[in-house]
């Protein structure tokens, strides 16, 4: 008897790899879209940013001022 996992707990479910931009609320898929994060504010504020907002912020986090890094 094999058990098949369906829904949000399944390995291939996109929900595990989706984040939202903190400024424009655009849905970003890690691995498909270019996503930037603040290493200091990532856990506290879920500070993920899209490529366009990274350019408007000049590569700096709006919360702490540190450099934004790409999510790999």
Protein backbone atom coordinates (compact mmCIF):
# COMPACT_ATOMS: atom_id res chain seq x y z
CA UNK A 1 0.00 0.00 0.00
CA UNK A 2 1.63 3.24 -1.13
CA UNK A 3 0.62 6.64 0.18
CA UNK A 4 0.55 9.57 -2.23
CA UNK A 5 0.88 13.04 -0.76
CA UNK A 6 -1.38 15.61 -2.38
CA UNK A 7 -1.89 19.28 -1.72
CA UNK A 8 0.33 21.80 0.00
CA UNK A 9 2.54 19.22 1.70
CA UNK A 10 3.57 17.58 -1.58
CA UNK A 11 7.21 18.01 -2.62
CA UNK A 12 6.49 19.66 -5.97
CA UNK A 13 3.93 22.14 -4.62
CA UNK A 14 4.77 25.70 -5.67
CA UNK A 15 3.70 27.16 -2.31
CA UNK A 16 6.99 26.14 -0.73
CA UNK A 17 8.88 28.35 -3.17
CA UNK A 18 6.68 31.46 -3.32
CA UNK A 19 7.37 34.74 -1.53
CA UNK A 20 5.90 38.21 -1.87
CA UNK A 21 7.72 41.48 -2.52
CA UNK A 22 7.46 43.74 0.55
CA UNK A 23 6.89 46.87 -1.52
CA UNK A 24 4.68 45.96 -4.49
CA UNK A 25 3.26 42.65 -3.12
CA UNK A 26 4.16 40.85 -6.34
CA UNK A 27 4.19 37.05 -6.08
CA UNK A 28 7.76 35.80 -6.69
CA UNK A 29 8.79 32.21 -7.33
CA UNK A 30 12.24 31.35 -6.00
CA UNK A 31 14.22 29.67 -8.76
CA UNK A 32 12.18 31.22 -11.57
CA UNK A 33 12.13 34.96 -10.76
CA UNK A 34 15.04 37.07 -9.59
CA UNK A 35 14.45 37.59 -5.85
CA UNK A 36 16.50 39.69 -3.44
CA UNK A 37 16.49 39.55 0.35
CA UNK A 38 17.95 41.40 3.29
CA UNK A 39 20.08 38.98 5.32
CA UNK A 40 19.32 40.83 8.59
CA UNK A 41 15.57 41.48 8.14
CA UNK A 42 14.62 38.30 6.25
CA UNK A 43 13.17 36.47 9.25
CA UNK A 44 11.82 39.46 11.17
CA UNK A 45 9.98 41.23 8.31
CA UNK A 46 10.07 38.57 5.54
CA UNK A 47 12.07 41.15 3.59
CA UNK A 48 12.03 39.85 0.02
CA UNK A 49 12.14 42.24 -2.93
CA UNK A 50 11.64 41.99 -6.69
CA UNK A 51 14.27 43.16 -9.17
CA UNK A 52 12.44 46.42 -9.98
CA UNK A 53 12.10 47.44 -6.34
CA UNK A 54 15.74 46.56 -5.68
CA UNK A 55 16.69 49.15 -8.30
CA UNK A 56 14.41 51.81 -6.78
CA UNK A 57 15.90 51.12 -3.34
CA UNK A 58 19.42 51.38 -4.86
CA UNK A 59 20.26 47.94 -3.46
CA UNK A 60 19.71 48.91 0.20
CA UNK A 61 17.19 47.49 2.66
CA UNK A 62 14.54 50.08 3.64
CA UNK A 63 14.41 48.73 7.22
CA UNK A 64 18.08 48.55 8.23
CA UNK A 65 20.07 49.98 5.30
CA UNK A 66 22.17 46.87 4.66
CA UNK A 67 22.95 45.54 1.17
CA UNK A 68 20.34 43.32 -0.53
CA UNK A 69 21.57 39.92 -1.71
CA UNK A 70 20.06 37.56 -4.32
CA UNK A 71 18.25 34.43 -3.16
CA UNK A 72 19.86 31.34 -4.65
